[in-house]
Amino acid sequence: MKITAIGLVGAALCLAVALFAVLRLSTEESAAAAQMVDQYVTFYSWLDNDPPGSAIAYSRTSHSRTVHESAGGTGTYADPITTATDPTAWAVGTRMYAPFLRKYLVIEDWCASCVQDWRQSRRRHIDVWLNSNATTGEAVHQCAYRWTQETAPIEINPPRNRPVDTRPLFDTSTNTCLESTFASGFPFRFSLWAGGHPGLPWW
């Protein structure tokens, strides 16, 4: 009976050690897979795309890691929002999660100012697509200025279970910008960014 009890204690200890090792490995793998990186976040639309429209540099047809044929997305993991950057800073197809937007993003477009920022000063810059079309007016530019962040923590290679708000940042049916506090749930403060427009940096 005494030997059996000792054996059971030993087995329990071995099981606990093995479980701890598995949990630690899982945590380490998650940490390696996902990381938070501060980035300059701007927004672009149909009007200031080059050329104007919703065409993207890396469509799904030609790049298996991307999601869309043209700029779009609702912000879910399965349907992340098209985002442009320098492809040498973040690989085409990289998924991200923006806490201040509560939306997933995917790199599938190219951005000239992002390339300049990265290659000249190693500043990470992503340009996020704003829901828009050929009839969208100047209001979308004001929305872009409103959402611009001088620096915001962006999660790289995020898991699938982050909270998501699927409402568009810009609603083309009403020509209005989504209120930032509705989407983020985090406190904001007003400041000025380099272009002289009001920004809403994430705390």
N, C-alpha and C. Protein backbone atom coordinates (compact mmCIF):
# COMPACT_ATOMS: atom_id res chain seq x y z
N MET A 1 0.83 -1.20 0.00
CA MET A 1 0.00 0.00 0.00
C MET A 1 0.87 1.25 0.00
N LYS A 2 1.92 1.25 0.80
CA LYS A 2 2.84 2.38 0.90
C LYS A 2 3.54 2.62 -0.43
N ILE A 3 3.99 1.53 -1.08
CA ILE A 3 4.68 1.63 -2.37
C ILE A 3 3.72 2.17 -3.43
N THR A 4 2.48 1.70 -3.38
CA THR A 4 1.49 2.17 -4.35
C THR A 4 1.24 3.67 -4.20
N ALA A 5 1.14 4.15 -2.98
CA ALA A 5 0.92 5.57 -2.74
C ALA A 5 2.07 6.40 -3.27
N ILE A 6 3.30 5.93 -3.01
CA ILE A 6 4.49 6.64 -3.50
C ILE A 6 4.50 6.67 -5.02
N GLY A 7 4.11 5.52 -5.59
CA GLY A 7 4.06 5.45 -7.05
C GLY A 7 3.05 6.42 -7.64
N LEU A 8 1.91 6.55 -6.98
CA LEU A 8 0.88 7.47 -7.46
C LEU A 8 1.35 8.92 -7.36
N VAL A 9 2.04 9.25 -6.27
CA VAL A 9 2.57 10.60 -6.10
C VAL A 9 3.60 10.90 -7.18
N GLY A 10 4.46 9.92 -7.45
CA GLY A 10 5.48 10.09 -8.49
C GLY A 10 4.85 10.29 -9.86
N ALA A 11 3.84 9.51 -10.15
CA ALA A 11 3.16 9.63 -11.44
C ALA A 11 2.50 11.00 -11.58
N ALA A 12 1.90 11.45 -10.47
CA ALA A 12 1.24 12.77 -10.50
C ALA A 12 2.25 13.88 -10.73
N LEU A 13 3.41 13.78 -10.10
CA LEU A 13 4.46 14.77 -10.29
C LEU A 13 4.96 14.79 -11.72
N CYS A 14 5.15 13.60 -12.29
CA CYS A 14 5.60 13.50 -13.69
C CYS A 14 4.58 14.13 -14.63
N LEU A 15 3.31 13.86 -14.35
CA LEU A 15 2.24 14.42 -15.18
C LEU A 15 2.21 15.94 -15.09
N ALA A 16 2.40 16.45 -13.87
CA ALA A 16 2.40 17.90 -13.67
C ALA A 16 3.55 18.56 -14.41
N VAL A 17 4.73 17.93 -14.33
CA VAL A 17 5.92 18.47 -15.02
C VAL A 17 5.70 18.47 -16.52
N ALA A 18 5.13 17.37 -17.04
CA ALA A 18 4.87 17.27 -18.48
C ALA A 18 3.85 18.33 -18.93
N LEU A 19 2.80 18.52 -18.12
CA LEU A 19 1.78 19.51 -18.45
C LEU A 19 2.36 20.92 -18.44
N PHE A 20 3.21 21.20 -17.45
CA PHE A 20 3.86 22.51 -17.37
C PHE A 20 4.72 22.76 -18.60
N ALA A 21 5.45 21.72 -19.04
CA ALA A 21 6.32 21.84 -20.21
C ALA A 21 5.49 22.14 -21.47
N VAL A 22 4.35 21.45 -21.60
CA VAL A 22 3.48 21.66 -22.77
C VAL A 22 2.92 23.08 -22.76
N LEU A 23 2.45 23.54 -21.59
CA LEU A 23 1.89 24.89 -21.48
C LEU A 23 2.94 25.94 -21.77
N ARG A 24 4.17 25.73 -21.27
CA ARG A 24 5.24 26.69 -21.51
C ARG A 24 5.59 26.74 -22.98
N LEU A 25 5.65 25.58 -23.64
CA LEU A 25 5.96 25.53 -25.07
C LEU A 25 4.87 26.23 -25.87
N SER A 26 3.60 25.99 -25.48
CA SER A 26 2.49 26.64 -26.18
C SER A 26 2.56 28.15 -26.03
N THR A 27 2.89 28.62 -24.82
CA THR A 27 3.01 30.06 -24.58
C THR A 27 4.15 30.65 -25.38
N GLU A 28 5.28 29.96 -25.42
CA GLU A 28 6.45 30.44 -26.16
C GLU A 28 6.15 30.50 -27.66
N GLU A 29 5.44 29.49 -28.17
CA GLU A 29 5.10 29.47 -29.59
C GLU A 29 4.16 30.62 -29.93
N SER A 30 3.18 30.89 -29.03
CA SER A 30 2.25 31.99 -29.26
C SER A 30 2.97 33.32 -29.26
N ALA A 31 3.92 33.48 -28.33
CA ALA A 31 4.68 34.72 -28.24
C ALA A 31 5.53 34.92 -29.48
N ALA A 32 6.07 33.81 -29.99
CA ALA A 32 6.90 33.91 -31.18
C ALA A 32 6.07 34.22 -32.42
N ALA A 33 4.84 33.70 -32.44
CA ALA A 33 3.99 33.87 -33.61
C ALA A 33 3.39 35.27 -33.68
N ALA A 34 3.01 35.83 -32.52
CA ALA A 34 2.36 37.13 -32.49
C ALA A 34 3.23 38.12 -31.73
N GLN A 35 3.30 39.36 -32.22
CA GLN A 35 4.06 40.40 -31.55
C GLN A 35 3.39 41.74 -31.76
N MET A 36 3.56 42.63 -30.79
CA MET A 36 3.01 43.98 -30.90
C MET A 36 4.13 44.91 -31.39
N VAL A 37 3.82 45.68 -32.45
CA VAL A 37 4.80 46.59 -33.03
C VAL A 37 4.15 47.96 -33.22
N ASP A 38 4.77 49.00 -32.68
CA ASP A 38 4.26 50.35 -32.88
C ASP A 38 4.47 50.78 -34.33
N GLN A 39 3.41 51.32 -34.94
CA GLN A 39 3.50 51.72 -36.34
C GLN A 39 2.76 53.03 -36.59
N TYR A 40 3.18 53.73 -37.62
CA TYR A 40 2.47 54.90 -38.11
C TYR A 40 1.32 54.37 -38.96
N VAL A 41 0.09 54.75 -38.66
CA VAL A 41 -1.08 54.21 -39.34
C VAL A 41 -1.82 55.33 -40.06
N THR A 42 -1.89 55.23 -41.38
CA THR A 42 -2.65 56.19 -42.19
C THR A 42 -3.74 55.42 -42.93
N PHE A 43 -4.57 56.16 -43.69
CA PHE A 43 -5.71 55.55 -44.37
C PHE A 43 -5.84 56.10 -45.78
N TYR A 44 -6.25 55.24 -46.70
CA TYR A 44 -6.44 55.69 -48.08
C TYR A 44 -7.78 55.20 -48.62
N SER A 45 -8.22 55.84 -49.70
CA SER A 45 -9.54 55.54 -50.25
C SER A 45 -9.49 55.45 -51.77
N TRP A 46 -10.65 55.24 -52.36
CA TRP A 46 -10.80 55.19 -53.81
C TRP A 46 -10.19 56.42 -54.47
N LEU A 47 -10.41 57.60 -53.87
CA LEU A 47 -9.98 58.85 -54.47
C LEU A 47 -8.47 59.04 -54.52
N ASP A 48 -7.77 58.62 -53.47
CA ASP A 48 -6.32 58.83 -53.46
C ASP A 48 -5.51 57.56 -53.72
N ASN A 49 -6.21 56.49 -54.16
CA ASN A 49 -5.47 55.32 -54.64
C ASN A 49 -4.80 55.71 -55.96
N ASP A 50 -3.74 55.01 -56.32
CA ASP A 50 -3.01 55.36 -57.54
C ASP A 50 -2.93 54.14 -58.47
N PRO A 51 -3.73 54.13 -59.57
CA PRO A 51 -4.70 55.17 -59.99
C PRO A 51 -5.96 55.10 -59.13
N PRO A 52 -6.82 56.14 -59.18
CA PRO A 52 -8.05 56.12 -58.39
C PRO A 52 -8.86 54.85 -58.66
N GLY A 53 -9.38 54.27 -57.61
CA GLY A 53 -10.14 53.03 -57.73
C GLY A 53 -9.83 52.11 -56.57
N SER A 54 -10.17 50.84 -56.73
CA SER A 54 -9.97 49.86 -55.66
C SER A 54 -8.95 48.79 -56.04
N ALA A 55 -8.20 49.01 -57.12
CA ALA A 55 -7.19 48.02 -57.53
C ALA A 55 -6.09 47.93 -56.48
N ILE A 56 -5.55 46.73 -56.30
CA ILE A 56 -4.46 46.52 -55.36
C ILE A 56 -3.27 45.87 -56.06
N ALA A 57 -2.10 46.04 -55.49
CA ALA A 57 -0.88 45.53 -56.12
C ALA A 57 -0.76 44.02 -56.06
N TYR A 58 -1.31 43.40 -54.99
CA TYR A 58 -1.11 41.97 -54.78
C TYR A 58 -2.47 41.27 -54.60
N SER A 59 -3.15 41.07 -55.70
CA SER A 59 -4.48 40.45 -55.65
C SER A 59 -4.37 38.95 -55.36
N ARG A 60 -5.48 38.38 -54.92
CA ARG A 60 -5.53 36.96 -54.59
C ARG A 60 -5.16 36.08 -55.79
N THR A 61 -5.53 36.51 -56.98
CA THR A 61 -5.24 35.73 -58.19
C THR A 61 -3.76 35.50 -58.37
N SER A 62 -2.96 36.52 -58.05
CA SER A 62 -1.51 36.42 -58.28
C SER A 62 -0.69 36.17 -57.02
N HIS A 63 -1.32 36.28 -55.84
CA HIS A 63 -0.59 36.06 -54.59
C HIS A 63 -1.46 35.22 -53.64
N SER A 64 -1.06 33.99 -53.42
CA SER A 64 -1.88 33.04 -52.68
C SER A 64 -2.10 33.42 -51.22
N ARG A 65 -1.25 34.27 -50.64
CA ARG A 65 -1.38 34.62 -49.22
C ARG A 65 -2.33 35.79 -48.99
N THR A 66 -2.74 36.46 -50.06
CA THR A 66 -3.67 37.58 -49.88
C THR A 66 -5.12 37.08 -49.93
N VAL A 67 -6.07 38.00 -49.73
CA VAL A 67 -7.47 37.61 -49.56
C VAL A 67 -8.38 38.14 -50.67
N HIS A 68 -8.12 39.36 -51.12
CA HIS A 68 -9.05 40.04 -52.02
C HIS A 68 -8.53 40.22 -53.44
N GLU A 69 -9.45 40.39 -54.37
CA GLU A 69 -9.09 40.75 -55.74
C GLU A 69 -8.96 42.27 -55.88
N SER A 70 -9.68 42.99 -55.03
CA SER A 70 -9.59 44.45 -54.98
C SER A 70 -9.73 44.87 -53.52
N ALA A 71 -9.42 46.12 -53.23
CA ALA A 71 -9.41 46.58 -51.84
C ALA A 71 -10.77 46.40 -51.18
N GLY A 72 -10.75 45.92 -49.95
CA GLY A 72 -11.99 45.70 -49.23
C GLY A 72 -11.73 45.07 -47.87
N GLY A 73 -12.76 44.42 -47.35
CA GLY A 73 -12.65 43.74 -46.06
C GLY A 73 -13.55 44.35 -45.01
N THR A 74 -14.07 43.49 -44.13
CA THR A 74 -14.93 43.93 -43.03
C THR A 74 -14.17 44.03 -41.72
N GLY A 75 -12.98 43.45 -41.67
CA GLY A 75 -12.18 43.52 -40.45
C GLY A 75 -12.14 42.26 -39.63
N THR A 76 -12.84 41.20 -40.07
CA THR A 76 -12.76 39.92 -39.37
C THR A 76 -11.46 39.21 -39.75
N TYR A 77 -11.16 38.13 -39.04
CA TYR A 77 -9.95 37.36 -39.38
C TYR A 77 -10.08 36.78 -40.79
N ALA A 78 -11.26 36.27 -41.13
CA ALA A 78 -11.48 35.67 -42.45
C ALA A 78 -11.54 36.71 -43.56
N ASP A 79 -11.95 37.94 -43.21
CA ASP A 79 -12.10 39.01 -44.20
C ASP A 79 -11.42 40.29 -43.69
N PRO A 80 -10.09 40.24 -43.55
CA PRO A 80 -9.37 41.40 -43.02
C PRO A 80 -9.38 42.56 -44.01
N ILE A 81 -9.11 43.76 -43.52
CA ILE A 81 -9.13 44.94 -44.38
C ILE A 81 -7.82 45.08 -45.14
N THR A 82 -7.92 45.36 -46.42
CA THR A 82 -6.75 45.59 -47.27
C THR A 82 -5.88 46.69 -46.66
N THR A 83 -4.58 46.41 -46.60
CA THR A 83 -3.62 47.37 -46.05
C THR A 83 -2.39 47.41 -46.94
N ALA A 84 -1.86 48.61 -47.13
CA ALA A 84 -0.68 48.80 -47.97
C ALA A 84 0.53 49.12 -47.10
N THR A 85 1.72 48.77 -47.59
CA THR A 85 2.96 49.08 -46.88
C THR A 85 4.12 48.87 -47.84
N ASP A 86 5.34 48.91 -47.32
CA ASP A 86 6.51 48.49 -48.08
C ASP A 86 6.63 46.98 -47.89
N PRO A 87 6.59 46.18 -48.95
CA PRO A 87 6.63 44.72 -48.81
C PRO A 87 7.95 44.18 -48.27
N THR A 88 8.97 45.06 -48.16
CA THR A 88 10.21 44.62 -47.52
C THR A 88 10.14 44.86 -46.00
N ALA A 89 9.16 45.63 -45.57
CA ALA A 89 8.95 45.84 -44.13
C ALA A 89 8.06 44.74 -43.56
N TRP A 90 6.95 44.47 -44.25
CA TRP A 90 6.05 43.38 -43.90
C TRP A 90 5.73 42.60 -45.16
N ALA A 91 5.86 41.31 -45.09
CA ALA A 91 5.64 40.46 -46.26
C ALA A 91 4.19 40.53 -46.74
N VAL A 92 4.01 40.43 -48.05
CA VAL A 92 2.67 40.39 -48.63
C VAL A 92 1.91 39.21 -48.01
N GLY A 93 0.68 39.48 -47.59
CA GLY A 93 -0.14 38.44 -46.97
C GLY A 93 -0.08 38.42 -45.46
N THR A 94 0.81 39.22 -44.86
CA THR A 94 0.90 39.27 -43.40
C THR A 94 -0.41 39.78 -42.81
N ARG A 95 -0.94 39.04 -41.84
CA ARG A 95 -2.14 39.49 -41.13
C ARG A 95 -1.74 40.27 -39.89
N MET A 96 -2.52 41.29 -39.57
CA MET A 96 -2.29 42.12 -38.40
C MET A 96 -3.63 42.35 -37.70
N TYR A 97 -3.53 42.85 -36.47
CA TYR A 97 -4.75 43.24 -35.74
C TYR A 97 -4.50 44.61 -35.11
N ALA A 98 -5.41 45.54 -35.38
CA ALA A 98 -5.31 46.90 -34.84
C ALA A 98 -6.29 47.05 -33.68
N PRO A 99 -5.81 47.06 -32.43
CA PRO A 99 -6.71 47.18 -31.29
C PRO A 99 -7.55 48.45 -31.31
N PHE A 100 -6.98 49.57 -31.77
CA PHE A 100 -7.73 50.82 -31.74
C PHE A 100 -8.86 50.83 -32.78
N LEU A 101 -8.80 49.92 -33.75
CA LEU A 101 -9.87 49.78 -34.74
C LEU A 101 -10.78 48.59 -34.44
N ARG A 102 -10.26 47.67 -33.65
CA ARG A 102 -10.90 46.37 -33.46
C ARG A 102 -11.14 45.69 -34.80
N LYS A 103 -10.10 45.66 -35.61
CA LYS A 103 -10.20 45.06 -36.93
C LYS A 103 -8.89 44.34 -37.28
N TYR A 104 -9.05 43.25 -38.04
CA TYR A 104 -7.89 42.57 -38.63
C TYR A 104 -7.54 43.23 -39.95
N LEU A 105 -6.26 43.21 -40.28
CA LEU A 105 -5.75 43.80 -41.51
C LEU A 105 -4.93 42.75 -42.25
N VAL A 106 -4.75 42.95 -43.56
CA VAL A 106 -3.88 42.06 -44.33
C VAL A 106 -3.10 42.90 -45.34
N ILE A 107 -1.81 42.61 -45.45
CA ILE A 107 -0.96 43.34 -46.39
C ILE A 107 -1.20 42.80 -47.79
N GLU A 108 -1.80 43.64 -48.66
CA GLU A 108 -2.02 43.22 -50.04
C GLU A 108 -1.97 44.42 -51.01
N ASP A 109 -1.30 45.49 -50.58
CA ASP A 109 -1.12 46.63 -51.47
C ASP A 109 0.20 47.31 -51.15
N TRP A 110 0.62 48.19 -52.05
CA TRP A 110 1.90 48.89 -51.99
C TRP A 110 1.65 50.35 -51.71
N CYS A 111 2.52 50.99 -50.93
CA CYS A 111 2.30 52.38 -50.51
C CYS A 111 3.61 53.16 -50.66
N ALA A 112 3.61 54.18 -51.53
CA ALA A 112 4.84 54.94 -51.83
C ALA A 112 5.40 55.62 -50.59
N SER A 113 4.55 56.27 -49.79
CA SER A 113 5.05 56.96 -48.60
C SER A 113 5.52 55.95 -47.54
N CYS A 114 4.90 54.77 -47.52
CA CYS A 114 5.34 53.71 -46.60
C CYS A 114 6.74 53.24 -46.98
N VAL A 115 6.97 53.10 -48.28
CA VAL A 115 8.29 52.70 -48.78
C VAL A 115 9.33 53.73 -48.40
N GLN A 116 8.99 55.00 -48.59
CA GLN A 116 9.93 56.08 -48.25
C GLN A 116 10.24 56.08 -46.76
N ASP A 117 9.20 55.96 -45.92
CA ASP A 117 9.41 55.97 -44.47
C ASP A 117 10.30 54.81 -44.03
N TRP A 118 10.05 53.63 -44.59
CA TRP A 118 10.80 52.45 -44.17
C TRP A 118 12.23 52.47 -44.67
N ARG A 119 12.42 52.80 -45.93
CA ARG A 119 13.77 52.70 -46.51
C ARG A 119 14.67 53.87 -46.13
N GLN A 120 14.08 55.01 -45.79
CA GLN A 120 14.91 56.16 -45.42
C GLN A 120 15.14 56.27 -43.92
N SER A 121 14.12 55.90 -43.13
CA SER A 121 14.26 56.09 -41.68
C SER A 121 13.86 54.87 -40.85
N ARG A 122 13.55 53.75 -41.52
CA ARG A 122 13.14 52.51 -40.85
C ARG A 122 11.92 52.72 -39.97
N ARG A 123 11.07 53.63 -40.39
CA ARG A 123 9.82 53.86 -39.68
C ARG A 123 8.75 52.96 -40.28
N ARG A 124 8.14 52.14 -39.48
CA ARG A 124 7.10 51.24 -39.97
C ARG A 124 5.80 52.02 -40.18
N HIS A 125 5.28 51.91 -41.39
CA HIS A 125 4.12 52.69 -41.80
C HIS A 125 3.17 51.79 -42.57
N ILE A 126 1.92 51.71 -42.13
CA ILE A 126 0.90 50.97 -42.88
C ILE A 126 -0.21 51.93 -43.26
N ASP A 127 -0.82 51.67 -44.42
CA ASP A 127 -1.87 52.52 -44.97
C ASP A 127 -3.12 51.65 -45.15
N VAL A 128 -4.15 51.91 -44.37
CA VAL A 128 -5.33 51.04 -44.31
C VAL A 128 -6.44 51.55 -45.23
N TRP A 129 -7.05 50.65 -45.98
CA TRP A 129 -8.13 50.99 -46.90
C TRP A 129 -9.38 51.44 -46.14
N LEU A 130 -9.95 52.55 -46.59
CA LEU A 130 -11.24 53.02 -46.07
C LEU A 130 -12.33 52.66 -47.07
N ASN A 131 -13.40 52.07 -46.60
CA ASN A 131 -14.54 51.74 -47.45
C ASN A 131 -14.94 52.98 -48.26
N SER A 132 -14.93 52.88 -49.60
CA SER A 132 -15.20 54.04 -50.45
C SER A 132 -15.46 53.58 -51.88
N ASN A 133 -15.95 54.50 -52.71
CA ASN A 133 -16.22 54.18 -54.11
C ASN A 133 -16.10 55.44 -54.96
N ALA A 134 -16.49 55.34 -56.23
CA ALA A 134 -16.30 56.44 -57.18
C ALA A 134 -17.12 57.67 -56.82
N THR A 135 -18.19 57.50 -56.05
CA THR A 135 -19.05 58.64 -55.71
C THR A 135 -18.74 59.23 -54.33
N THR A 136 -17.79 58.64 -53.63
CA THR A 136 -17.44 59.13 -52.30
C THR A 136 -16.84 60.53 -52.40
N GLY A 137 -17.29 61.42 -51.57
CA GLY A 137 -16.82 62.80 -51.61
C GLY A 137 -15.66 63.08 -50.67
N GLU A 138 -15.44 64.36 -50.40
CA GLU A 138 -14.34 64.82 -49.56
C GLU A 138 -14.43 64.30 -48.13
N ALA A 139 -15.63 63.91 -47.69
CA ALA A 139 -15.81 63.44 -46.32
C ALA A 139 -14.91 62.27 -45.98
N VAL A 140 -14.58 61.44 -46.98
CA VAL A 140 -13.73 60.29 -46.71
C VAL A 140 -12.31 60.72 -46.35
N HIS A 141 -11.85 61.85 -46.92
CA HIS A 141 -10.52 62.36 -46.56
C HIS A 141 -10.50 62.84 -45.12
N GLN A 142 -11.57 63.50 -44.69
CA GLN A 142 -11.65 63.95 -43.31
C GLN A 142 -11.68 62.75 -42.37
N CYS A 143 -12.34 61.69 -42.79
CA CYS A 143 -12.38 60.46 -41.99
C CYS A 143 -10.98 59.85 -41.87
N ALA A 144 -10.25 59.87 -42.98
CA ALA A 144 -8.87 59.35 -42.97
C ALA A 144 -8.01 60.14 -41.99
N TYR A 145 -8.15 61.47 -42.00
CA TYR A 145 -7.38 62.31 -41.07
C TYR A 145 -7.76 61.99 -39.62
N ARG A 146 -9.04 61.77 -39.41
CA ARG A 146 -9.54 61.51 -38.05
C ARG A 146 -8.96 60.23 -37.47
N TRP A 147 -8.84 59.21 -38.30
CA TRP A 147 -8.37 57.92 -37.81
C TRP A 147 -6.84 57.79 -37.79
N THR A 148 -6.13 58.68 -38.48
CA THR A 148 -4.67 58.57 -38.56
C THR A 148 -4.02 58.57 -37.17
N GLN A 149 -3.05 57.66 -37.01
CA GLN A 149 -2.33 57.52 -35.74
C GLN A 149 -0.84 57.73 -35.97
N GLU A 150 -0.26 58.68 -35.26
CA GLU A 150 1.20 58.88 -35.36
C GLU A 150 1.94 57.62 -34.93
N THR A 151 1.43 56.98 -33.91
CA THR A 151 1.98 55.69 -33.49
C THR A 151 0.88 54.90 -32.79
N ALA A 152 0.77 53.64 -33.15
CA ALA A 152 -0.24 52.77 -32.55
C ALA A 152 0.31 51.35 -32.49
N PRO A 153 0.06 50.63 -31.41
CA PRO A 153 0.50 49.24 -31.32
C PRO A 153 -0.35 48.36 -32.22
N ILE A 154 0.30 47.63 -33.11
CA ILE A 154 -0.38 46.73 -34.04
C ILE A 154 0.14 45.32 -33.81
N GLU A 155 -0.76 44.37 -33.68
CA GLU A 155 -0.37 42.98 -33.44
C GLU A 155 -0.10 42.28 -34.77
N ILE A 156 1.06 41.64 -34.85
CA ILE A 156 1.48 40.93 -36.06
C ILE A 156 1.21 39.43 -35.88
N ASN A 157 0.66 38.80 -36.91
CA ASN A 157 0.30 37.38 -36.86
C ASN A 157 -0.59 37.08 -35.65
N PRO A 158 -1.71 37.79 -35.52
CA PRO A 158 -2.57 37.62 -34.35
C PRO A 158 -3.36 36.32 -34.39
N PRO A 159 -3.86 35.88 -33.24
CA PRO A 159 -4.78 34.72 -33.23
C PRO A 159 -6.12 35.14 -33.80
N ARG A 160 -7.03 34.17 -33.95
CA ARG A 160 -8.32 34.42 -34.59
C ARG A 160 -9.39 35.01 -33.67
N ASN A 161 -9.11 35.09 -32.37
CA ASN A 161 -10.17 35.39 -31.41
C ASN A 161 -10.17 36.80 -30.86
N ARG A 162 -9.56 37.75 -31.55
CA ARG A 162 -9.58 39.13 -31.08
C ARG A 162 -10.98 39.75 -31.30
N PRO A 163 -11.40 40.68 -30.42
CA PRO A 163 -12.71 41.32 -30.62
C PRO A 163 -12.74 42.13 -31.91
N VAL A 164 -13.87 42.06 -32.62
CA VAL A 164 -13.98 42.71 -33.93
C VAL A 164 -15.26 43.54 -33.99
N ASP A 165 -15.13 44.74 -34.55
CA ASP A 165 -16.28 45.58 -34.88
C ASP A 165 -16.34 45.62 -36.41
N THR A 166 -17.37 45.03 -37.00
CA THR A 166 -17.43 44.90 -38.46
C THR A 166 -18.03 46.12 -39.16
N ARG A 167 -18.46 47.11 -38.40
CA ARG A 167 -18.99 48.31 -39.04
C ARG A 167 -17.88 49.01 -39.82
N PRO A 168 -18.17 49.54 -41.01
CA PRO A 168 -17.12 50.21 -41.79
C PRO A 168 -16.66 51.49 -41.11
N LEU A 169 -15.37 51.79 -41.25
CA LEU A 169 -14.84 53.03 -40.69
C LEU A 169 -15.48 54.23 -41.38
N PHE A 170 -15.78 54.05 -42.68
CA PHE A 170 -16.50 55.08 -43.42
C PHE A 170 -17.70 54.44 -44.09
N ASP A 171 -18.87 54.99 -43.83
CA ASP A 171 -20.12 54.44 -44.36
C ASP A 171 -20.50 55.19 -45.64
N THR A 172 -20.39 54.50 -46.78
CA THR A 172 -20.68 55.16 -48.06
C THR A 172 -22.17 55.45 -48.26
N SER A 173 -23.03 54.75 -47.53
CA SER A 173 -24.47 54.99 -47.69
C SER A 173 -24.91 56.30 -47.04
N THR A 174 -24.18 56.72 -46.00
CA THR A 174 -24.51 57.97 -45.31
C THR A 174 -23.41 59.01 -45.43
N ASN A 175 -22.28 58.61 -46.03
CA ASN A 175 -21.13 59.50 -46.19
C ASN A 175 -20.62 60.02 -44.84
N THR A 176 -20.59 59.12 -43.86
CA THR A 176 -20.16 59.50 -42.52
C THR A 176 -19.05 58.59 -42.00
N CYS A 177 -18.26 59.15 -41.07
CA CYS A 177 -17.14 58.45 -40.46
C CYS A 177 -17.59 57.82 -39.15
N LEU A 178 -17.19 56.60 -38.91
CA LEU A 178 -17.50 55.93 -37.66
C LEU A 178 -16.81 56.65 -36.51
N GLU A 179 -17.54 56.88 -35.42
CA GLU A 179 -16.93 57.51 -34.25
C GLU A 179 -15.85 56.58 -33.69
N SER A 180 -14.69 57.12 -33.44
CA SER A 180 -13.55 56.31 -33.02
C SER A 180 -13.80 55.57 -31.72
N THR A 181 -14.44 56.21 -30.75
CA THR A 181 -14.65 55.55 -29.47
C THR A 181 -15.62 54.38 -29.58
N PHE A 182 -16.52 54.41 -30.58
CA PHE A 182 -17.41 53.28 -30.79
C PHE A 182 -16.62 52.05 -31.23
N ALA A 183 -15.65 52.27 -32.09
CA ALA A 183 -14.91 51.14 -32.65
C ALA A 183 -13.87 50.62 -31.68
N SER A 184 -13.21 51.51 -30.94
CA SER A 184 -12.05 51.09 -30.17
C SER A 184 -12.36 50.61 -28.77
N GLY A 185 -13.19 51.35 -28.06
CA GLY A 185 -13.42 51.00 -26.67
C GLY A 185 -12.27 51.42 -25.78
N PHE A 186 -11.27 52.08 -26.31
CA PHE A 186 -10.11 52.54 -25.56
C PHE A 186 -10.13 54.06 -25.49
N PRO A 187 -9.53 54.66 -24.44
CA PRO A 187 -9.50 56.12 -24.35
C PRO A 187 -8.59 56.74 -25.40
N PHE A 188 -8.98 57.91 -25.88
CA PHE A 188 -8.20 58.64 -26.88
C PHE A 188 -7.93 60.05 -26.38
N ARG A 189 -6.97 60.69 -26.98
CA ARG A 189 -6.75 62.10 -26.73
C ARG A 189 -6.50 62.77 -28.07
N PHE A 190 -6.86 64.04 -28.21
CA PHE A 190 -6.64 64.75 -29.45
C PHE A 190 -5.23 65.31 -29.49
N SER A 191 -4.64 65.32 -30.66
CA SER A 191 -3.32 65.92 -30.85
C SER A 191 -3.22 66.32 -32.31
N LEU A 192 -2.09 66.84 -32.72
CA LEU A 192 -1.86 67.17 -34.12
C LEU A 192 -0.78 66.27 -34.67
N TRP A 193 -1.00 65.76 -35.89
CA TRP A 193 0.05 64.98 -36.53
C TRP A 193 0.79 65.87 -37.50
N ALA A 194 1.82 65.33 -38.13
CA ALA A 194 2.75 66.12 -38.94
C ALA A 194 2.06 66.92 -40.03
N GLY A 195 0.96 66.42 -40.56
CA GLY A 195 0.27 67.12 -41.64
C GLY A 195 -0.63 68.24 -41.16
N GLY A 196 -0.73 68.43 -39.84
CA GLY A 196 -1.54 69.49 -39.31
C GLY A 196 -3.00 69.13 -39.12
N HIS A 197 -3.34 67.85 -39.29
CA HIS A 197 -4.71 67.42 -39.15
C HIS A 197 -4.89 66.74 -37.80
N PRO A 198 -6.09 66.77 -37.24
CA PRO A 198 -6.30 66.14 -35.94
C PRO A 198 -6.15 64.63 -36.02
N GLY A 199 -5.39 64.10 -35.11
CA GLY A 199 -5.22 62.66 -35.02
C GLY A 199 -5.75 62.16 -33.70
N LEU A 200 -5.83 60.85 -33.53
CA LEU A 200 -6.32 60.28 -32.29
C LEU A 200 -5.36 59.19 -31.84
N PRO A 201 -4.19 59.55 -31.29
CA PRO A 201 -3.22 58.54 -30.88
C PRO A 201 -3.79 57.60 -29.82
N TRP A 202 -3.40 56.34 -29.90
CA TRP A 202 -3.84 55.31 -28.95
C TRP A 202 -3.00 55.41 -27.70
N TRP A 203 -3.60 55.34 -26.51
CA TRP A 203 -2.87 55.41 -25.24
C TRP A 203 -2.30 54.06 -24.91
